[in-house]
Amino acid sequence: MAVDSVPYPTLYMDRDNMIAYSGYVLGIAQMLYLYGAMDHKIRCGFDWNQNDRLDDENWLDIGHFEIVL
């Protein structure tokens, strides 16, 4: 399952704003996972391989979030 989400109002191409928003979403998701409120982790389209590096991706879909099974 996946969803595309952006803060309103925003310019999707404002990379810094989108990365900050994505970090917020991922932080809340990690907190919910650690508290046991979520069973799965979430992956974002700016770090597909989940190595916490933003400079090694070929395709950025910053507002894309998906469940990691």
PDB file of N, CA and C in Angstrom:
ATOM      1  N   MET A   1       0.847  -1.166   0.000  1.00  0.00           N
ATOM      2  CA  MET A   1       0.000   0.000   0.000  1.00  0.00           C
ATOM      3  C   MET A   1       0.896   1.233   0.000  1.00  0.00           C
ATOM      4  N   ALA A   2       0.484   2.242  -0.748  1.00  0.00           N
ATOM      5  CA  ALA A   2       1.273   3.466  -0.842  1.00  0.00           C
ATOM      6  C   ALA A   2       0.347   4.671  -0.920  1.00  0.00           C
ATOM      7  N   VAL A   3       0.919   5.823  -0.607  1.00  0.00           N
ATOM      8  CA  VAL A   3       0.182   7.082  -0.695  1.00  0.00           C
ATOM      9  C   VAL A   3       1.171   8.179  -1.079  1.00  0.00           C
ATOM     10  N   ASP A   4       0.692   9.139  -1.854  1.00  0.00           N
ATOM     11  CA  ASP A   4       1.465  10.342  -2.131  1.00  0.00           C
ATOM     12  C   ASP A   4       0.884  11.456  -1.286  1.00  0.00           C
ATOM     13  N   SER A   5       1.756  12.172  -0.583  1.00  0.00           N
ATOM     14  CA  SER A   5       1.317  13.187   0.357  1.00  0.00           C
ATOM     15  C   SER A   5       2.282  14.365   0.323  1.00  0.00           C
ATOM     16  N   VAL A   6       1.734  15.567   0.351  1.00  0.00           N
ATOM     17  CA  VAL A   6       2.551  16.786   0.417  1.00  0.00           C
ATOM     18  C   VAL A   6       1.890  17.750   1.396  1.00  0.00           C
ATOM     19  N   PRO A   7       2.674  18.622   2.036  1.00  0.00           N
ATOM     20  CA  PRO A   7       2.067  19.628   2.904  1.00  0.00           C
ATOM     21  C   PRO A   7       1.338  20.675   2.061  1.00  0.00           C
ATOM     22  N   TYR A   8       0.294  21.251   2.615  1.00  0.00           N
ATOM     23  CA  TYR A   8      -0.459  22.274   1.898  1.00  0.00           C
ATOM     24  C   TYR A   8      -0.308  23.596   2.618  1.00  0.00           C
ATOM     25  N   PRO A   9      -0.064  24.672   1.980  1.00  0.00           N
ATOM     26  CA  PRO A   9       0.300  24.795   0.563  1.00  0.00           C
ATOM     27  C   PRO A   9       1.796  24.537   0.394  1.00  0.00           C
ATOM     28  N   THR A  10       2.177  24.035  -0.731  1.00  0.00           N
ATOM     29  CA  THR A  10       3.594  23.777  -0.995  1.00  0.00           C
ATOM     30  C   THR A  10       3.857  23.785  -2.489  1.00  0.00           C
ATOM     31  N   LEU A  11       5.094  23.942  -2.820  1.00  0.00           N
ATOM     32  CA  LEU A  11       5.547  23.722  -4.181  1.00  0.00           C
ATOM     33  C   LEU A  11       6.250  22.377  -4.169  1.00  0.00           C
ATOM     34  N   TYR A  12       5.717  21.422  -4.894  1.00  0.00           N
ATOM     35  CA  TYR A  12       6.273  20.071  -4.882  1.00  0.00           C
ATOM     36  C   TYR A  12       7.752  20.072  -5.255  1.00  0.00           C
ATOM     37  N   MET A  13       8.157  20.995  -6.084  1.00  0.00           N
ATOM     38  CA  MET A  13       9.551  21.025  -6.529  1.00  0.00           C
ATOM     39  C   MET A  13      10.475  21.721  -5.517  1.00  0.00           C
ATOM     40  N   ASP A  14       9.938  22.218  -4.394  1.00  0.00           N
ATOM     41  CA  ASP A  14      10.771  22.787  -3.333  1.00  0.00           C
ATOM     42  C   ASP A  14      11.373  21.617  -2.558  1.00  0.00           C
ATOM     43  N   ARG A  15      12.530  21.147  -3.013  1.00  0.00           N
ATOM     44  CA  ARG A  15      13.139  19.910  -2.509  1.00  0.00           C
ATOM     45  C   ARG A  15      13.386  19.957  -1.004  1.00  0.00           C
ATOM     46  N   ASP A  16      13.918  21.066  -0.503  1.00  0.00           N
ATOM     47  CA  ASP A  16      14.216  21.158   0.932  1.00  0.00           C
ATOM     48  C   ASP A  16      12.951  21.065   1.771  1.00  0.00           C
ATOM     49  N   ASN A  17      11.886  21.725   1.342  1.00  0.00           N
ATOM     50  CA  ASN A  17      10.619  21.673   2.064  1.00  0.00           C
ATOM     51  C   ASN A  17      10.048  20.255   2.054  1.00  0.00           C
ATOM     52  N   MET A  18      10.128  19.598   0.907  1.00  0.00           N
ATOM     53  CA  MET A  18       9.597  18.246   0.788  1.00  0.00           C
ATOM     54  C   MET A  18      10.404  17.246   1.621  1.00  0.00           C
ATOM     55  N   ILE A  19      11.718  17.411   1.675  1.00  0.00           N
ATOM     56  CA  ILE A  19      12.540  16.512   2.484  1.00  0.00           C
ATOM     57  C   ILE A  19      12.246  16.716   3.969  1.00  0.00           C
ATOM     58  N   ALA A  20      12.064  17.969   4.385  1.00  0.00           N
ATOM     59  CA  ALA A  20      11.713  18.235   5.789  1.00  0.00           C
ATOM     60  C   ALA A  20      10.361  17.592   6.129  1.00  0.00           C
ATOM     61  N   TYR A  21       9.387  17.743   5.257  1.00  0.00           N
ATOM     62  CA  TYR A  21       8.066  17.142   5.471  1.00  0.00           C
ATOM     63  C   TYR A  21       8.168  15.617   5.527  1.00  0.00           C
ATOM     64  N   SER A  22       8.909  15.048   4.596  1.00  0.00           N
ATOM     65  CA  SER A  22       9.064  13.593   4.569  1.00  0.00           C
ATOM     66  C   SER A  22       9.752  13.085   5.828  1.00  0.00           C
ATOM     67  N   GLY A  23      10.738  13.826   6.305  1.00  0.00           N
ATOM     68  CA  GLY A  23      11.399  13.450   7.550  1.00  0.00           C
ATOM     69  C   GLY A  23      10.440  13.464   8.728  1.00  0.00           C
ATOM     70  N   TYR A  24       9.555  14.444   8.747  1.00  0.00           N
ATOM     71  CA  TYR A  24       8.543  14.511   9.802  1.00  0.00           C
ATOM     72  C   TYR A  24       7.621  13.295   9.741  1.00  0.00           C
ATOM     73  N   VAL A  25       7.131  12.975   8.551  1.00  0.00           N
ATOM     74  CA  VAL A  25       6.235  11.823   8.380  1.00  0.00           C
ATOM     75  C   VAL A  25       6.944  10.535   8.797  1.00  0.00           C
ATOM     76  N   LEU A  26       8.183  10.366   8.341  1.00  0.00           N
ATOM     77  CA  LEU A  26       8.934   9.150   8.694  1.00  0.00           C
ATOM     78  C   LEU A  26       9.219   9.079  10.194  1.00  0.00           C
ATOM     79  N   GLY A  27       9.469  10.215  10.821  1.00  0.00           N
ATOM     80  CA  GLY A  27       9.710  10.235  12.268  1.00  0.00           C
ATOM     81  C   GLY A  27       8.479   9.808  13.056  1.00  0.00           C
ATOM     82  N   ILE A  28       7.328  10.324  12.671  1.00  0.00           N
ATOM     83  CA  ILE A  28       6.074   9.930  13.337  1.00  0.00           C
ATOM     84  C   ILE A  28       5.800   8.448  13.101  1.00  0.00           C
ATOM     85  N   ALA A  29       6.026   7.969  11.869  1.00  0.00           N
ATOM     86  CA  ALA A  29       5.804   6.557  11.564  1.00  0.00           C
ATOM     87  C   ALA A  29       6.742   5.669  12.387  1.00  0.00           C
ATOM     88  N   GLN A  30       7.991   6.081  12.545  1.00  0.00           N
ATOM     89  CA  GLN A  30       8.953   5.305  13.342  1.00  0.00           C
ATOM     90  C   GLN A  30       8.525   5.269  14.810  1.00  0.00           C
ATOM     91  N   MET A  31       8.059   6.400  15.323  1.00  0.00           N
ATOM     92  CA  MET A  31       7.587   6.451  16.702  1.00  0.00           C
ATOM     93  C   MET A  31       6.396   5.507  16.898  1.00  0.00           C
ATOM     94  N   LEU A  32       5.432   5.540  15.973  1.00  0.00           N
ATOM     95  CA  LEU A  32       4.267   4.658  16.072  1.00  0.00           C
ATOM     96  C   LEU A  32       4.665   3.195  15.967  1.00  0.00           C
ATOM     97  N   TYR A  33       5.649   2.896  15.134  1.00  0.00           N
ATOM     98  CA  TYR A  33       6.145   1.521  14.998  1.00  0.00           C
ATOM     99  C   TYR A  33       6.785   1.055  16.312  1.00  0.00           C
ATOM    100  N   LEU A  34       7.617   1.923  16.897  1.00  0.00           N
ATOM    101  CA  LEU A  34       8.297   1.552  18.148  1.00  0.00           C
ATOM    102  C   LEU A  34       7.321   1.408  19.314  1.00  0.00           C
ATOM    103  N   TYR A  35       6.254   2.189  19.316  1.00  0.00           N
ATOM    104  CA  TYR A  35       5.232   2.092  20.360  1.00  0.00           C
ATOM    105  C   TYR A  35       4.296   0.919  20.144  1.00  0.00           C
ATOM    106  N   GLY A  36       4.405   0.256  18.998  1.00  0.00           N
ATOM    107  CA  GLY A  36       3.547  -0.881  18.708  1.00  0.00           C
ATOM    108  C   GLY A  36       2.211  -0.522  18.095  1.00  0.00           C
ATOM    109  N   ALA A  37       2.033   0.745  17.716  1.00  0.00           N
ATOM    110  CA  ALA A  37       0.778   1.169  17.107  1.00  0.00           C
ATOM    111  C   ALA A  37       0.725   0.846  15.614  1.00  0.00           C
ATOM    112  N   MET A  38       1.886   0.541  15.026  1.00  0.00           N
ATOM    113  CA  MET A  38       1.965   0.129  13.612  1.00  0.00           C
ATOM    114  C   MET A  38       2.771  -1.156  13.546  1.00  0.00           C
ATOM    115  N   ASP A  39       2.390  -2.040  12.643  1.00  0.00           N
ATOM    116  CA  ASP A  39       3.089  -3.321  12.506  1.00  0.00           C
ATOM    117  C   ASP A  39       4.206  -3.299  11.468  1.00  0.00           C
ATOM    118  N   HIS A  40       4.214  -2.297  10.599  1.00  0.00           N
ATOM    119  CA  HIS A  40       5.190  -2.234   9.519  1.00  0.00           C
ATOM    120  C   HIS A  40       5.887  -0.887   9.513  1.00  0.00           C
ATOM    121  N   LYS A  41       7.072  -0.857   8.949  1.00  0.00           N
ATOM    122  CA  LYS A  41       7.787   0.397   8.768  1.00  0.00           C
ATOM    123  C   LYS A  41       7.346   1.054   7.467  1.00  0.00           C
ATOM    124  N   ILE A  42       7.702   2.323   7.310  1.00  0.00           N
ATOM    125  CA  ILE A  42       7.335   3.113   6.140  1.00  0.00           C
ATOM    126  C   ILE A  42       8.606   3.495   5.388  1.00  0.00           C
ATOM    127  N   ARG A  43       8.531   3.453   4.061  1.00  0.00           N
ATOM    128  CA  ARG A  43       9.643   3.882   3.211  1.00  0.00           C
ATOM    129  C   ARG A  43       9.178   5.085   2.395  1.00  0.00           C
ATOM    130  N   CYS A  44      10.114   6.015   2.156  1.00  0.00           N
ATOM    131  CA  CYS A  44       9.803   7.214   1.392  1.00  0.00           C
ATOM    132  C   CYS A  44      10.514   7.180   0.040  1.00  0.00           C
ATOM    133  N   GLY A  45       9.952   7.853  -0.933  1.00  0.00           N
ATOM    134  CA  GLY A  45      10.497   7.871  -2.277  1.00  0.00           C
ATOM    135  C   GLY A  45      11.777   8.660  -2.449  1.00  0.00           C
ATOM    136  N   PHE A  46      12.298   9.280  -1.386  1.00  0.00           N
ATOM    137  CA  PHE A  46      13.597   9.936  -1.519  1.00  0.00           C
ATOM    138  C   PHE A  46      14.730   9.042  -1.044  1.00  0.00           C
ATOM    139  N   ASP A  47      14.411   7.892  -0.486  1.00  0.00           N
ATOM    140  CA  ASP A  47      15.448   6.966  -0.016  1.00  0.00           C
ATOM    141  C   ASP A  47      14.955   5.535  -0.215  1.00  0.00           C
ATOM    142  N   TRP A  48      14.841   5.128  -1.465  1.00  0.00           N
ATOM    143  CA  TRP A  48      14.282   3.821  -1.799  1.00  0.00           C
ATOM    144  C   TRP A  48      15.036   2.672  -1.133  1.00  0.00           C
ATOM    145  N   ASN A  49      16.355   2.758  -1.080  1.00  0.00           N
ATOM    146  CA  ASN A  49      17.132   1.652  -0.508  1.00  0.00           C
ATOM    147  C   ASN A  49      17.315   1.786   1.004  1.00  0.00           C
ATOM    148  N   GLN A  50      16.744   2.808   1.594  1.00  0.00           N
ATOM    149  CA  GLN A  50      16.720   3.032   3.046  1.00  0.00           C
ATOM    150  C   GLN A  50      18.109   3.016   3.687  1.00  0.00           C
ATOM    151  N   ASN A  51      19.063   3.679   3.041  1.00  0.00           N
ATOM    152  CA  ASN A  51      20.399   3.765   3.620  1.00  0.00           C
ATOM    153  C   ASN A  51      20.684   5.141   4.202  1.00  0.00           C
ATOM    154  N   ASP A  52      19.656   5.988   4.302  1.00  0.00           N
ATOM    155  CA  ASP A  52      19.747   7.340   4.868  1.00  0.00           C
ATOM    156  C   ASP A  52      20.658   8.269   4.078  1.00  0.00           C
ATOM    157  N   ARG A  53      20.908   7.965   2.820  1.00  0.00           N
ATOM    158  CA  ARG A  53      21.665   8.846   1.927  1.00  0.00           C
ATOM    159  C   ARG A  53      20.730   9.339   0.835  1.00  0.00           C
ATOM    160  N   LEU A  54      20.705  10.642   0.625  1.00  0.00           N
ATOM    161  CA  LEU A  54      19.818  11.215  -0.376  1.00  0.00           C
ATOM    162  C   LEU A  54      20.509  11.431  -1.714  1.00  0.00           C
ATOM    163  N   ASP A  55      21.811  11.149  -1.789  1.00  0.00           N
ATOM    164  CA  ASP A  55      22.563  11.445  -3.004  1.00  0.00           C
ATOM    165  C   ASP A  55      22.812  10.212  -3.880  1.00  0.00           C
ATOM    166  N   ASP A  56      22.240   9.084  -3.544  1.00  0.00           N
ATOM    167  CA  ASP A  56      22.506   7.863  -4.319  1.00  0.00           C
ATOM    168  C   ASP A  56      21.269   7.297  -5.013  1.00  0.00           C
ATOM    169  N   GLU A  57      20.220   8.076  -5.097  1.00  0.00           N
ATOM    170  CA  GLU A  57      18.993   7.611  -5.740  1.00  0.00           C
ATOM    171  C   GLU A  57      18.930   8.118  -7.180  1.00  0.00           C
ATOM    172  N   ASN A  58      18.463   7.279  -8.087  1.00  0.00           N
ATOM    173  CA  ASN A  58      18.309   7.671  -9.482  1.00  0.00           C
ATOM    174  C   ASN A  58      16.999   8.396  -9.744  1.00  0.00           C
ATOM    175  N   TRP A  59      15.994   8.127  -8.930  1.00  0.00           N
ATOM    176  CA  TRP A  59      14.681   8.725  -9.131  1.00  0.00           C
ATOM    177  C   TRP A  59      14.122   9.143  -7.788  1.00  0.00           C
ATOM    178  N   LEU A  60      13.770  10.428  -7.656  1.00  0.00           N
ATOM    179  CA  LEU A  60      13.200  10.937  -6.419  1.00  0.00           C
ATOM    180  C   LEU A  60      11.684  11.085  -6.571  1.00  0.00           C
ATOM    181  N   ASP A  61      10.974  10.507  -5.650  1.00  0.00           N
ATOM    182  CA  ASP A  61       9.525  10.673  -5.544  1.00  0.00           C
ATOM    183  C   ASP A  61       9.268  11.042  -4.087  1.00  0.00           C
ATOM    184  N   ILE A  62       9.660  12.249  -3.738  1.00  0.00           N
ATOM    185  CA  ILE A  62       9.779  12.649  -2.333  1.00  0.00           C
ATOM    186  C   ILE A  62       8.462  12.522  -1.575  1.00  0.00           C
ATOM    187  N   GLY A  63       7.337  12.812  -2.189  1.00  0.00           N
ATOM    188  CA  GLY A  63       6.058  12.749  -1.485  1.00  0.00           C
ATOM    189  C   GLY A  63       5.424  11.372  -1.457  1.00  0.00           C
ATOM    190  N   HIS A  64       6.152  10.344  -1.870  1.00  0.00           N
ATOM    191  CA  HIS A  64       5.625   8.976  -1.924  1.00  0.00           C
ATOM    192  C   HIS A  64       6.022   8.210  -0.665  1.00  0.00           C
ATOM    193  N   PHE A  65       5.046   7.604  -0.036  1.00  0.00           N
ATOM    194  CA  PHE A  65       5.291   6.798   1.171  1.00  0.00           C
ATOM    195  C   PHE A  65       4.644   5.431   0.962  1.00  0.00           C
ATOM    196  N   GLU A  66       5.335   4.389   1.382  1.00  0.00           N
ATOM    197  CA  GLU A  66       4.780   3.041   1.233  1.00  0.00           C
ATOM    198  C   GLU A  66       5.143   2.160   2.408  1.00  0.00           C
ATOM    199  N   ILE A  67       4.341   1.154   2.637  1.00  0.00           N
ATOM    200  CA  ILE A  67       4.572   0.192   3.701  1.00  0.00           C
ATOM    201  C   ILE A  67       5.665  -0.770   3.266  1.00  0.00           C
ATOM    202  N   VAL A  68       6.602  -1.033   4.167  1.00  0.00           N
ATOM    203  CA  VAL A  68       7.665  -2.001   3.916  1.00  0.00           C
ATOM    204  C   VAL A  68       7.234  -3.322   4.526  1.00  0.00           C
ATOM    205  N   LEU A  69       7.099  -4.327   3.699  1.00  0.00           N
ATOM    206  CA  LEU A  69       6.673  -5.648   4.198  1.00  0.00           C
ATOM    207  C   LEU A  69       7.857  -6.533   4.499  1.00  0.00           C
TER     208      LEU A  69
END
